[in-house]
Structure formats: structure tokens, C-alpha cells
Amino acid sequence: MKNELLNFVSKAIQIPSYSDQEEKMAHFIYDEMVKLGYDDVMIDTTGNVIGKMGNGAKIIQFDSHM
């Protein structure tokens, strides 16, 4: 997975993603989450990419900036 992660990051840093111009980056992340098998992936009305995986009593949230 190391090479896949490096490839993902290499492609991501080539996508312009200035404030209020993150749409291409959001779609890039969305597509990757779908490839990784997330149960649910969406882009909300403000451009946040949200993915859900699994279910259970405990929920872990990971928050990051594009």
C-alpha cells in the first residue's frame, strides 16, 4: 500500500485547491474513497467530502483539510 499512498499524494499535490476552488480535489478524494470501498461517500453542499465505513456503537471521526 505504500506505493499506492505515495501515488495518491503525488497526484493530490498537483491539483490546485485554493480556498473556494476545491471542487477538483473533492472529486479526487471522493473517487479514491469509492475505490477503497467506503460504504457511503458524498460531497455536501459546502464541498466537504464525507465517507462512512462500517457500523457499531463506537464512531471514529477523522477530520482533515484539503
N, C-alpha and C. Protein backbone atom coordinates (compact mmCIF):
# COMPACT_ATOMS: atom_id res chain seq x y z
N MET A 1 0.81 -1.20 0.00
CA MET A 1 0.00 0.00 0.00
C MET A 1 0.85 1.25 0.00
N LYS A 2 2.11 1.12 0.35
CA LYS A 2 2.99 2.29 0.39
C LYS A 2 3.03 3.00 -0.96
N ASN A 3 3.19 2.24 -2.03
CA ASN A 3 3.27 2.85 -3.36
C ASN A 3 1.95 3.50 -3.76
N GLU A 4 0.83 2.87 -3.39
CA GLU A 4 -0.47 3.46 -3.71
C GLU A 4 -0.67 4.78 -2.97
N LEU A 5 -0.25 4.83 -1.71
CA LEU A 5 -0.37 6.06 -0.94
C LEU A 5 0.51 7.16 -1.53
N LEU A 6 1.75 6.81 -1.88
CA LEU A 6 2.63 7.81 -2.49
C LEU A 6 2.08 8.30 -3.82
N ASN A 7 1.49 7.41 -4.60
CA ASN A 7 0.88 7.80 -5.87
C ASN A 7 -0.30 8.74 -5.65
N PHE A 8 -1.13 8.42 -4.65
CA PHE A 8 -2.28 9.26 -4.33
C PHE A 8 -1.82 10.67 -3.93
N VAL A 9 -0.86 10.73 -3.03
CA VAL A 9 -0.36 12.03 -2.56
C VAL A 9 0.30 12.81 -3.70
N SER A 10 1.07 12.12 -4.53
CA SER A 10 1.72 12.78 -5.67
C SER A 10 0.69 13.42 -6.60
N LYS A 11 -0.40 12.70 -6.86
CA LYS A 11 -1.46 13.26 -7.72
C LYS A 11 -2.20 14.39 -7.00
N ALA A 12 -2.45 14.22 -5.71
CA ALA A 12 -3.21 15.22 -4.95
C ALA A 12 -2.50 16.57 -4.92
N ILE A 13 -1.18 16.56 -4.73
CA ILE A 13 -0.48 17.85 -4.62
C ILE A 13 -0.38 18.57 -5.96
N GLN A 14 -0.75 17.89 -7.04
CA GLN A 14 -0.75 18.53 -8.36
C GLN A 14 -2.08 19.20 -8.69
N ILE A 15 -3.09 18.98 -7.84
CA ILE A 15 -4.42 19.55 -8.09
C ILE A 15 -4.53 20.89 -7.38
N PRO A 16 -4.74 21.98 -8.12
CA PRO A 16 -4.94 23.28 -7.47
C PRO A 16 -6.17 23.22 -6.56
N SER A 17 -6.02 23.70 -5.33
CA SER A 17 -7.15 23.64 -4.38
C SER A 17 -7.15 24.85 -3.47
N TYR A 18 -7.12 26.02 -4.08
CA TYR A 18 -7.18 27.26 -3.31
C TYR A 18 -8.55 27.40 -2.65
N SER A 19 -8.65 28.25 -1.64
CA SER A 19 -9.92 28.47 -0.95
C SER A 19 -11.02 28.77 -1.95
N ASP A 20 -12.17 28.14 -1.76
CA ASP A 20 -13.33 28.26 -2.63
C ASP A 20 -13.10 27.70 -4.03
N GLN A 21 -12.01 26.95 -4.23
CA GLN A 21 -11.73 26.32 -5.52
C GLN A 21 -11.29 24.87 -5.31
N GLU A 22 -11.93 24.18 -4.37
CA GLU A 22 -11.51 22.82 -4.02
C GLU A 22 -12.32 21.72 -4.73
N GLU A 23 -13.17 22.08 -5.68
CA GLU A 23 -14.07 21.10 -6.29
C GLU A 23 -13.32 19.92 -6.92
N LYS A 24 -12.24 20.18 -7.68
CA LYS A 24 -11.49 19.10 -8.30
C LYS A 24 -10.87 18.18 -7.24
N MET A 25 -10.36 18.78 -6.17
CA MET A 25 -9.76 17.99 -5.10
C MET A 25 -10.83 17.14 -4.40
N ALA A 26 -11.99 17.72 -4.17
CA ALA A 26 -13.08 16.99 -3.52
C ALA A 26 -13.46 15.77 -4.35
N HIS A 27 -13.56 15.92 -5.65
CA HIS A 27 -13.93 14.80 -6.52
C HIS A 27 -12.80 13.75 -6.57
N PHE A 28 -11.57 14.20 -6.52
CA PHE A 28 -10.43 13.28 -6.50
C PHE A 28 -10.48 12.43 -5.23
N ILE A 29 -10.72 13.06 -4.09
CA ILE A 29 -10.82 12.35 -2.82
C ILE A 29 -12.04 11.43 -2.82
N TYR A 30 -13.16 11.92 -3.31
CA TYR A 30 -14.38 11.11 -3.42
C TYR A 30 -14.10 9.82 -4.20
N ASP A 31 -13.49 9.96 -5.37
CA ASP A 31 -13.21 8.80 -6.20
C ASP A 31 -12.31 7.80 -5.49
N GLU A 32 -11.33 8.28 -4.75
CA GLU A 32 -10.42 7.39 -4.01
C GLU A 32 -11.15 6.65 -2.91
N MET A 33 -12.04 7.35 -2.20
CA MET A 33 -12.81 6.70 -1.13
C MET A 33 -13.72 5.61 -1.69
N VAL A 34 -14.30 5.86 -2.86
CA VAL A 34 -15.12 4.83 -3.52
C VAL A 34 -14.25 3.62 -3.86
N LYS A 35 -13.04 3.86 -4.43
CA LYS A 35 -12.13 2.77 -4.78
C LYS A 35 -11.73 1.96 -3.54
N LEU A 36 -11.60 2.63 -2.40
CA LEU A 36 -11.20 1.96 -1.16
C LEU A 36 -12.34 1.17 -0.52
N GLY A 37 -13.55 1.32 -1.05
CA GLY A 37 -14.66 0.53 -0.56
C GLY A 37 -15.45 1.12 0.59
N TYR A 38 -15.44 2.44 0.73
CA TYR A 38 -16.27 3.06 1.75
C TYR A 38 -17.73 2.69 1.51
N ASP A 39 -18.49 2.49 2.58
CA ASP A 39 -19.90 2.13 2.46
C ASP A 39 -20.74 3.26 1.89
N ASP A 40 -20.38 4.49 2.21
CA ASP A 40 -21.12 5.66 1.74
C ASP A 40 -20.13 6.80 1.57
N VAL A 41 -20.20 7.48 0.44
CA VAL A 41 -19.34 8.64 0.18
C VAL A 41 -20.21 9.72 -0.43
N MET A 42 -20.04 10.95 0.04
CA MET A 42 -20.81 12.07 -0.52
C MET A 42 -20.01 13.36 -0.42
N ILE A 43 -20.38 14.31 -1.24
CA ILE A 43 -19.85 15.67 -1.16
C ILE A 43 -21.03 16.54 -0.78
N ASP A 44 -20.93 17.21 0.37
CA ASP A 44 -22.06 18.01 0.84
C ASP A 44 -22.13 19.35 0.11
N THR A 45 -23.10 20.17 0.46
CA THR A 45 -23.35 21.43 -0.26
C THR A 45 -22.23 22.45 -0.08
N THR A 46 -21.38 22.28 0.92
CA THR A 46 -20.26 23.22 1.10
C THR A 46 -18.95 22.64 0.57
N GLY A 47 -19.00 21.45 -0.05
CA GLY A 47 -17.81 20.88 -0.67
C GLY A 47 -17.02 19.92 0.19
N ASN A 48 -17.53 19.60 1.39
CA ASN A 48 -16.85 18.62 2.24
C ASN A 48 -17.08 17.22 1.71
N VAL A 49 -16.03 16.40 1.73
CA VAL A 49 -16.15 15.01 1.34
C VAL A 49 -16.38 14.20 2.62
N ILE A 50 -17.45 13.44 2.64
CA ILE A 50 -17.83 12.68 3.83
C ILE A 50 -17.93 11.21 3.45
N GLY A 51 -17.22 10.38 4.20
CA GLY A 51 -17.27 8.94 3.95
C GLY A 51 -17.60 8.19 5.21
N LYS A 52 -18.35 7.12 5.05
CA LYS A 52 -18.71 6.26 6.19
C LYS A 52 -18.31 4.84 5.85
N MET A 53 -17.83 4.15 6.91
CA MET A 53 -17.39 2.78 6.75
C MET A 53 -17.79 1.99 7.99
N GLY A 54 -18.47 0.88 7.79
CA GLY A 54 -18.84 0.02 8.91
C GLY A 54 -19.97 0.60 9.74
N ASN A 55 -20.24 -0.08 10.88
CA ASN A 55 -21.26 0.38 11.80
C ASN A 55 -20.93 -0.16 13.19
N GLY A 56 -21.59 0.35 14.18
CA GLY A 56 -21.34 -0.11 15.54
C GLY A 56 -21.60 0.98 16.55
N ALA A 57 -21.39 0.63 17.80
CA ALA A 57 -21.66 1.56 18.90
C ALA A 57 -20.65 2.70 18.95
N LYS A 58 -19.41 2.44 18.56
CA LYS A 58 -18.38 3.49 18.59
C LYS A 58 -18.17 4.05 17.20
N ILE A 59 -18.03 5.37 17.14
CA ILE A 59 -17.81 6.06 15.88
C ILE A 59 -16.49 6.83 15.99
N ILE A 60 -15.65 6.67 15.01
CA ILE A 60 -14.38 7.42 14.96
C ILE A 60 -14.51 8.42 13.84
N GLN A 61 -14.21 9.67 14.13
CA GLN A 61 -14.26 10.72 13.10
C GLN A 61 -12.85 11.20 12.82
N PHE A 62 -12.53 11.27 11.55
CA PHE A 62 -11.25 11.81 11.12
C PHE A 62 -11.56 13.06 10.31
N ASP A 63 -11.01 14.18 10.71
CA ASP A 63 -11.28 15.45 10.04
C ASP A 63 -9.98 15.98 9.48
N SER A 64 -10.02 16.39 8.24
CA SER A 64 -8.81 16.89 7.60
C SER A 64 -9.17 18.02 6.64
N HIS A 65 -8.19 18.77 6.24
CA HIS A 65 -8.39 19.86 5.27
C HIS A 65 -7.81 19.45 3.94
N MET A 66 -8.43 19.94 2.87
CA MET A 66 -7.94 19.61 1.53
C MET A 66 -6.78 20.50 1.15
